[in-house]
Amino acid sequence: MKKFAAIILLALSAHAMADQCQIMSKAAAKRAELLVKNNSEILELCQPCGEKVRDAKVTVVKKAVLEGNELVINGKGADMAYTYIKVAPNMYVNVAKVVGCPASDVSEAVSK
């Protein structure tokens, strides 16, 4: 029984970390839409999941559209807590932090 309870707790905590700022307030979603433009370079990095900057995937935004209170980037829903936008050579800032969506355990900026 204890083993079962531990598995349930782990599953719930992993799910809670998974979607911090995928669905945002309307105001935050609008700000994210203004920030993440087509041809922007983004870095996808889940620090709470243990991912490292050196291994993070860099993507060029072909199309970013707001669907309700979610920003869809290149046809895929994106969690702004784990999305960093390039603002200078080798410097990326966390979109959630910029737009005011409360994200935990993520850096405000990273270098790559």
Protein backbone atom coordinates (compact mmCIF):
# COMPACT_ATOMS: atom_id res chain seq x y z
CA MET A 1 0.00 0.00 0.00
CA LYS A 2 2.84 2.40 0.83
CA LYS A 3 4.46 1.63 -2.51
CA PHE A 4 1.20 2.42 -4.31
CA ALA A 5 0.81 5.74 -2.45
CA ALA A 6 4.40 6.71 -3.33
CA ILE A 7 3.76 5.99 -7.02
CA ILE A 8 0.59 8.11 -6.98
CA LEU A 9 2.42 11.01 -5.32
CA LEU A 10 5.25 10.85 -7.84
CA ALA A 11 2.82 10.79 -10.75
CA LEU A 12 0.90 13.78 -9.41
CA SER A 13 4.03 15.83 -8.73
CA ALA A 14 5.43 15.09 -12.19
CA HIS A 15 2.14 16.20 -13.75
CA ALA A 16 2.10 19.39 -11.67
CA MET A 17 5.59 20.29 -12.93
CA ALA A 18 4.71 19.45 -16.50
CA ASP A 19 2.35 22.36 -17.24
CA GLN A 20 3.21 25.48 -15.27
CA CYS A 21 2.48 28.10 -17.93
CA GLN A 22 1.04 26.29 -20.92
CA ILE A 23 -2.41 27.73 -20.22
CA MET A 24 -1.98 31.30 -18.93
CA SER A 25 -4.12 34.24 -17.97
CA LYS A 26 -5.45 36.12 -20.97
CA ALA A 27 -3.09 39.06 -20.30
CA ALA A 28 0.00 36.83 -19.99
CA ALA A 29 -0.99 34.91 -23.13
CA LYS A 30 -1.32 38.17 -25.10
CA ARG A 31 2.11 39.31 -23.88
CA ALA A 32 3.61 35.95 -24.89
CA GLU A 33 2.07 36.30 -28.34
CA LEU A 34 3.69 39.73 -28.71
CA LEU A 35 7.06 38.44 -27.50
CA VAL A 36 7.34 35.20 -29.49
CA LYS A 37 7.30 36.29 -33.12
CA ASN A 38 7.80 34.32 -36.31
CA ASN A 39 11.51 33.78 -37.07
CA SER A 40 12.41 34.14 -33.38
CA GLU A 41 14.83 31.60 -32.00
CA ILE A 42 13.65 29.73 -28.92
CA LEU A 43 15.25 27.25 -26.58
CA GLU A 44 13.14 24.51 -25.00
CA LEU A 45 14.46 23.63 -21.55
CA CYS A 46 12.74 21.88 -18.65
CA GLN A 47 15.04 22.60 -15.71
CA PRO A 48 12.74 20.96 -13.11
CA CYS A 49 12.93 17.79 -15.23
CA GLY A 50 16.73 17.81 -14.96
CA GLU A 51 17.47 18.99 -18.51
CA LYS A 52 20.74 20.87 -19.04
CA VAL A 53 21.22 23.98 -21.18
CA ARG A 54 23.90 22.29 -23.30
CA ASP A 55 21.37 19.61 -24.33
CA ALA A 56 18.43 21.96 -24.90
CA LYS A 57 16.74 22.03 -28.27
CA VAL A 58 16.94 25.30 -30.23
CA THR A 59 14.08 25.97 -32.64
CA VAL A 60 13.21 28.72 -35.10
CA VAL A 61 9.60 29.85 -34.76
CA LYS A 62 7.85 29.35 -38.08
CA LYS A 63 4.41 30.17 -36.73
CA ALA A 64 3.25 31.28 -33.29
CA VAL A 65 -0.50 31.65 -32.76
CA LEU A 66 -2.62 32.24 -29.71
CA GLU A 67 -5.33 29.62 -29.22
CA GLY A 68 -7.42 30.70 -26.28
CA ASN A 69 -4.92 31.27 -23.48
CA GLU A 70 -2.25 28.98 -24.94
CA LEU A 71 0.56 29.92 -27.32
CA VAL A 72 0.98 27.30 -30.03
CA ILE A 73 4.44 27.33 -31.57
CA ASN A 74 5.03 25.50 -34.85
CA GLY A 75 1.76 23.61 -34.40
CA LYS A 76 2.53 22.42 -30.86
CA GLY A 77 1.30 23.76 -27.53
CA ALA A 78 4.25 25.18 -25.63
CA ASP A 79 4.71 25.69 -21.91
CA MET A 80 6.16 29.18 -21.50
CA ALA A 81 7.85 28.11 -18.25
CA TYR A 82 10.16 25.92 -20.33
CA THR A 83 10.47 28.25 -23.32
CA TYR A 84 13.34 30.73 -23.59
CA ILE A 85 13.55 33.33 -26.34
CA LYS A 86 16.83 34.58 -27.79
CA VAL A 87 17.45 38.23 -26.91
CA ALA A 88 21.18 38.51 -27.65
CA PRO A 89 23.94 36.26 -28.98
CA ASN A 90 23.99 33.19 -26.72
CA MET A 91 21.43 34.75 -24.30
CA TYR A 92 17.87 33.49 -23.83
CA VAL A 93 15.22 34.77 -21.39
CA ASN A 94 12.39 32.75 -19.92
CA VAL A 95 9.10 33.70 -21.60
CA ALA A 96 6.97 32.95 -18.53
CA LYS A 97 9.08 35.23 -16.35
CA VAL A 98 8.89 38.05 -18.92
CA VAL A 99 5.11 37.85 -19.41
CA GLY A 100 4.26 37.48 -15.73
CA CYS A 101 3.18 33.85 -15.54
CA PRO A 102 4.33 32.43 -12.18
CA ALA A 103 6.84 29.69 -13.00
CA SER A 104 8.94 27.93 -10.39
CA ASP A 105 12.32 26.21 -10.52
CA VAL A 106 13.31 27.86 -13.82
CA SER A 107 16.04 30.42 -14.52
CA GLU A 108 15.13 33.92 -15.66
CA ALA A 109 17.85 33.71 -18.33
CA VAL A 110 20.32 31.16 -19.68
CA SER A 111 23.36 31.27 -21.96
CA LYS A 112 24.02 28.77 -24.72
